[in-house]
N, C-alpha and C. Protein backbone atom coordinates (compact mmCIF):
# COMPACT_ATOMS: atom_id res chain seq x y z
N MET A 1 -49.98 17.38 4.79
CA MET A 1 -48.67 16.85 5.11
C MET A 1 -47.98 17.81 6.08
N ASN A 2 -47.34 17.25 7.02
CA ASN A 2 -46.64 18.02 8.04
C ASN A 2 -45.41 18.71 7.42
N PRO A 3 -45.18 20.01 7.66
CA PRO A 3 -44.02 20.69 7.07
C PRO A 3 -42.69 20.16 7.60
N TYR A 4 -42.68 19.55 8.76
CA TYR A 4 -41.43 18.99 9.28
C TYR A 4 -40.96 17.80 8.45
N TRP A 5 -41.89 17.04 7.90
CA TRP A 5 -41.50 15.91 7.04
C TRP A 5 -40.85 16.40 5.75
N ILE A 6 -41.29 17.55 5.27
CA ILE A 6 -40.66 18.12 4.07
C ILE A 6 -39.22 18.50 4.36
N ILE A 7 -38.97 19.06 5.52
CA ILE A 7 -37.60 19.43 5.91
C ILE A 7 -36.74 18.18 6.05
N VAL A 8 -37.27 17.14 6.67
CA VAL A 8 -36.52 15.88 6.83
C VAL A 8 -36.22 15.27 5.46
N PHE A 9 -37.23 15.25 4.59
CA PHE A 9 -37.04 14.69 3.25
C PHE A 9 -36.00 15.49 2.46
N PHE A 10 -36.09 16.81 2.49
CA PHE A 10 -35.15 17.66 1.76
C PHE A 10 -33.72 17.50 2.28
N SER A 11 -33.55 17.49 3.59
CA SER A 11 -32.18 17.34 4.14
C SER A 11 -31.62 15.96 3.83
N SER A 12 -32.46 14.93 3.81
CA SER A 12 -31.99 13.58 3.45
C SER A 12 -31.54 13.53 1.99
N ILE A 13 -32.28 14.15 1.12
CA ILE A 13 -31.90 14.18 -0.30
C ILE A 13 -30.59 14.93 -0.48
N VAL A 14 -30.42 16.06 0.20
CA VAL A 14 -29.18 16.83 0.10
C VAL A 14 -28.00 16.02 0.60
N GLN A 15 -28.16 15.33 1.71
CA GLN A 15 -27.07 14.49 2.23
C GLN A 15 -26.73 13.35 1.27
N LEU A 16 -27.74 12.76 0.66
CA LEU A 16 -27.50 11.69 -0.31
C LEU A 16 -26.73 12.22 -1.52
N VAL A 17 -27.11 13.37 -2.02
CA VAL A 17 -26.41 13.95 -3.17
C VAL A 17 -24.96 14.28 -2.82
N ILE A 18 -24.74 14.86 -1.66
CA ILE A 18 -23.36 15.17 -1.24
C ILE A 18 -22.54 13.90 -1.10
N PHE A 19 -23.13 12.85 -0.52
CA PHE A 19 -22.41 11.59 -0.39
C PHE A 19 -22.07 10.99 -1.75
N LEU A 20 -23.00 11.03 -2.68
CA LEU A 20 -22.74 10.47 -4.02
C LEU A 20 -21.65 11.26 -4.75
N ARG A 21 -21.64 12.58 -4.60
CA ARG A 21 -20.57 13.38 -5.20
C ARG A 21 -19.23 13.01 -4.60
N TRP A 22 -19.18 12.84 -3.27
CA TRP A 22 -17.93 12.47 -2.61
C TRP A 22 -17.46 11.10 -3.08
N LEU A 23 -18.39 10.15 -3.17
CA LEU A 23 -18.04 8.80 -3.61
C LEU A 23 -17.52 8.81 -5.04
N HIS A 24 -18.14 9.56 -5.92
CA HIS A 24 -17.69 9.64 -7.30
C HIS A 24 -16.29 10.26 -7.38
N ARG A 25 -16.07 11.32 -6.64
CA ARG A 25 -14.76 11.96 -6.64
C ARG A 25 -13.69 11.03 -6.11
N ARG A 26 -14.00 10.30 -5.06
CA ARG A 26 -13.03 9.38 -4.47
C ARG A 26 -12.68 8.26 -5.46
N THR A 27 -13.68 7.73 -6.14
CA THR A 27 -13.44 6.68 -7.14
C THR A 27 -12.61 7.22 -8.30
N ARG A 28 -12.92 8.41 -8.75
CA ARG A 28 -12.18 9.01 -9.86
C ARG A 28 -10.73 9.28 -9.47
N ASP A 29 -10.50 9.74 -8.25
CA ASP A 29 -9.12 9.98 -7.79
C ASP A 29 -8.33 8.68 -7.78
N ASP A 30 -8.96 7.58 -7.38
CA ASP A 30 -8.29 6.29 -7.38
C ASP A 30 -7.93 5.86 -8.79
N GLU A 31 -8.82 6.08 -9.75
CA GLU A 31 -8.53 5.73 -11.14
C GLU A 31 -7.38 6.57 -11.69
N ILE A 32 -7.36 7.85 -11.35
CA ILE A 32 -6.29 8.73 -11.82
C ILE A 32 -4.96 8.29 -11.20
N ARG A 33 -4.95 7.95 -9.93
CA ARG A 33 -3.73 7.51 -9.26
C ARG A 33 -3.21 6.22 -9.89
N CYS A 34 -4.11 5.30 -10.18
CA CYS A 34 -3.72 4.03 -10.80
C CYS A 34 -3.12 4.27 -12.19
N ALA A 35 -3.73 5.15 -12.97
CA ALA A 35 -3.21 5.46 -14.30
C ALA A 35 -1.86 6.14 -14.21
N PHE A 36 -1.66 7.00 -13.22
CA PHE A 36 -0.37 7.67 -13.04
C PHE A 36 0.73 6.67 -12.71
N VAL A 37 0.47 5.77 -11.80
CA VAL A 37 1.48 4.77 -11.42
C VAL A 37 1.81 3.87 -12.59
N ARG A 38 0.78 3.45 -13.33
CA ARG A 38 1.01 2.60 -14.50
C ARG A 38 1.84 3.34 -15.56
N ASP A 39 1.54 4.61 -15.80
CA ASP A 39 2.28 5.41 -16.76
C ASP A 39 3.73 5.57 -16.34
N MET A 40 3.96 5.83 -15.06
CA MET A 40 5.33 5.98 -14.57
C MET A 40 6.12 4.69 -14.78
N ALA A 41 5.49 3.56 -14.48
CA ALA A 41 6.19 2.29 -14.59
C ALA A 41 6.47 1.91 -16.04
N VAL A 42 5.52 2.14 -16.91
CA VAL A 42 5.66 1.68 -18.30
C VAL A 42 6.49 2.65 -19.13
N ASN A 43 6.28 3.94 -18.96
CA ASN A 43 6.92 4.91 -19.85
C ASN A 43 8.19 5.53 -19.28
N HIS A 44 8.27 5.71 -17.98
CA HIS A 44 9.39 6.47 -17.44
C HIS A 44 10.48 5.61 -16.81
N LEU A 45 10.12 4.47 -16.25
CA LEU A 45 11.14 3.61 -15.65
C LEU A 45 12.20 3.15 -16.65
N PRO A 46 11.84 2.76 -17.88
CA PRO A 46 12.90 2.38 -18.83
C PRO A 46 13.90 3.51 -19.09
N HIS A 47 13.42 4.75 -19.14
CA HIS A 47 14.34 5.87 -19.34
C HIS A 47 15.24 6.06 -18.13
N LEU A 48 14.69 5.88 -16.95
CA LEU A 48 15.50 6.02 -15.74
C LEU A 48 16.56 4.92 -15.67
N TYR A 49 16.18 3.70 -16.02
CA TYR A 49 17.15 2.60 -16.03
C TYR A 49 18.24 2.85 -17.08
N HIS A 50 17.86 3.40 -18.22
CA HIS A 50 18.84 3.70 -19.26
C HIS A 50 19.84 4.75 -18.77
N ALA A 51 19.35 5.81 -18.15
CA ALA A 51 20.24 6.84 -17.62
C ALA A 51 21.13 6.28 -16.52
N LEU A 52 20.59 5.42 -15.69
CA LEU A 52 21.39 4.79 -14.63
C LEU A 52 22.49 3.93 -15.23
N ARG A 53 22.18 3.22 -16.31
CA ARG A 53 23.21 2.40 -16.97
C ARG A 53 24.32 3.26 -17.56
N GLN A 54 23.95 4.40 -18.14
CA GLN A 54 24.96 5.30 -18.69
C GLN A 54 25.87 5.85 -17.59
N ILE A 55 25.30 6.23 -16.47
CA ILE A 55 26.11 6.73 -15.35
C ILE A 55 27.00 5.63 -14.83
N ALA A 56 26.46 4.41 -14.70
CA ALA A 56 27.26 3.29 -14.20
C ALA A 56 28.39 2.96 -15.16
N SER A 57 28.14 3.04 -16.47
CA SER A 57 29.21 2.73 -17.43
C SER A 57 30.31 3.79 -17.38
N GLN A 58 29.96 5.03 -17.14
CA GLN A 58 30.99 6.07 -17.00
C GLN A 58 31.82 5.88 -15.74
N LEU A 59 31.21 5.32 -14.71
CA LEU A 59 31.94 5.05 -13.47
C LEU A 59 32.61 3.69 -13.48
N GLY A 60 32.40 2.91 -14.53
CA GLY A 60 33.02 1.60 -14.64
C GLY A 60 32.34 0.53 -13.80
N LEU A 61 31.07 0.68 -13.54
CA LEU A 61 30.32 -0.30 -12.75
C LEU A 61 29.47 -1.16 -13.67
N GLU A 62 29.25 -2.38 -13.23
CA GLU A 62 28.41 -3.33 -13.98
C GLU A 62 27.09 -3.48 -13.23
N LEU A 63 25.98 -3.29 -13.93
CA LEU A 63 24.66 -3.42 -13.32
C LEU A 63 23.95 -4.64 -13.85
N GLN A 64 23.07 -5.19 -13.03
CA GLN A 64 22.26 -6.32 -13.48
C GLN A 64 21.13 -5.78 -14.35
N GLU A 65 20.48 -6.71 -15.05
CA GLU A 65 19.33 -6.32 -15.87
C GLU A 65 18.21 -5.79 -14.97
N PRO A 66 17.52 -4.76 -15.41
CA PRO A 66 16.41 -4.26 -14.59
C PRO A 66 15.26 -5.27 -14.56
N PRO A 67 14.52 -5.30 -13.49
CA PRO A 67 13.41 -6.26 -13.41
C PRO A 67 12.29 -5.86 -14.37
N PRO A 68 11.56 -6.84 -14.90
CA PRO A 68 10.43 -6.50 -15.78
C PRO A 68 9.31 -5.88 -14.97
N VAL A 69 8.54 -5.04 -15.63
CA VAL A 69 7.39 -4.40 -14.98
C VAL A 69 6.22 -5.36 -15.03
N GLN A 70 5.70 -5.72 -13.86
CA GLN A 70 4.55 -6.60 -13.77
C GLN A 70 3.52 -5.96 -12.86
N PHE A 71 2.27 -6.01 -13.26
CA PHE A 71 1.20 -5.45 -12.46
C PHE A 71 0.37 -6.56 -11.86
N ILE A 72 -0.01 -6.37 -10.63
CA ILE A 72 -0.87 -7.32 -9.94
C ILE A 72 -2.18 -6.62 -9.63
N GLU A 73 -3.26 -7.16 -10.14
CA GLU A 73 -4.59 -6.61 -9.85
C GLU A 73 -5.08 -7.29 -8.57
N LEU A 74 -5.13 -6.53 -7.49
CA LEU A 74 -5.51 -7.12 -6.21
C LEU A 74 -6.98 -7.44 -6.11
N ASN A 75 -7.82 -6.71 -6.83
CA ASN A 75 -9.25 -6.98 -6.73
C ASN A 75 -9.74 -7.94 -7.81
N GLY A 76 -8.85 -8.44 -8.65
CA GLY A 76 -9.22 -9.43 -9.64
C GLY A 76 -9.87 -8.90 -10.89
N GLN A 77 -9.93 -7.58 -11.03
CA GLN A 77 -10.53 -7.01 -12.22
C GLN A 77 -9.43 -6.51 -13.16
N ASN A 78 -9.63 -6.71 -14.42
CA ASN A 78 -8.68 -6.18 -15.38
C ASN A 78 -9.16 -4.81 -15.85
N ARG A 79 -8.36 -3.81 -15.62
CA ARG A 79 -8.74 -2.45 -16.03
C ARG A 79 -8.19 -2.20 -17.42
N LYS A 80 -9.01 -1.61 -18.26
CA LYS A 80 -8.59 -1.26 -19.60
C LYS A 80 -8.26 0.22 -19.62
N MET A 81 -7.05 0.53 -19.99
CA MET A 81 -6.62 1.93 -20.01
C MET A 81 -6.59 2.43 -21.42
C-alpha cells in the first residue's frame, strides 16, 4: 500500500472527527439556548410583570393584563424538557 494513501486516509478521519465534534457542540448550544429562553419566559417573566404592576400601582397607573406565554415550534417537533 502506498504511504501517501495512509496520510490521505488519516487526515480525512481527523477532519471527520473535528467536524462531528463541531456539529455536536453547535447542536448542544442550540438546546441550551432554547432551554434558557423557555426558562426565562416561564419562570422569570411572571415575576417581572408582578414587579411592574407594583411600580405602576405606586405611580397610580393602570396596566393591562400581561399576555400569556405561548411557544411556537418552528420545526414541528415537540421538545421535552
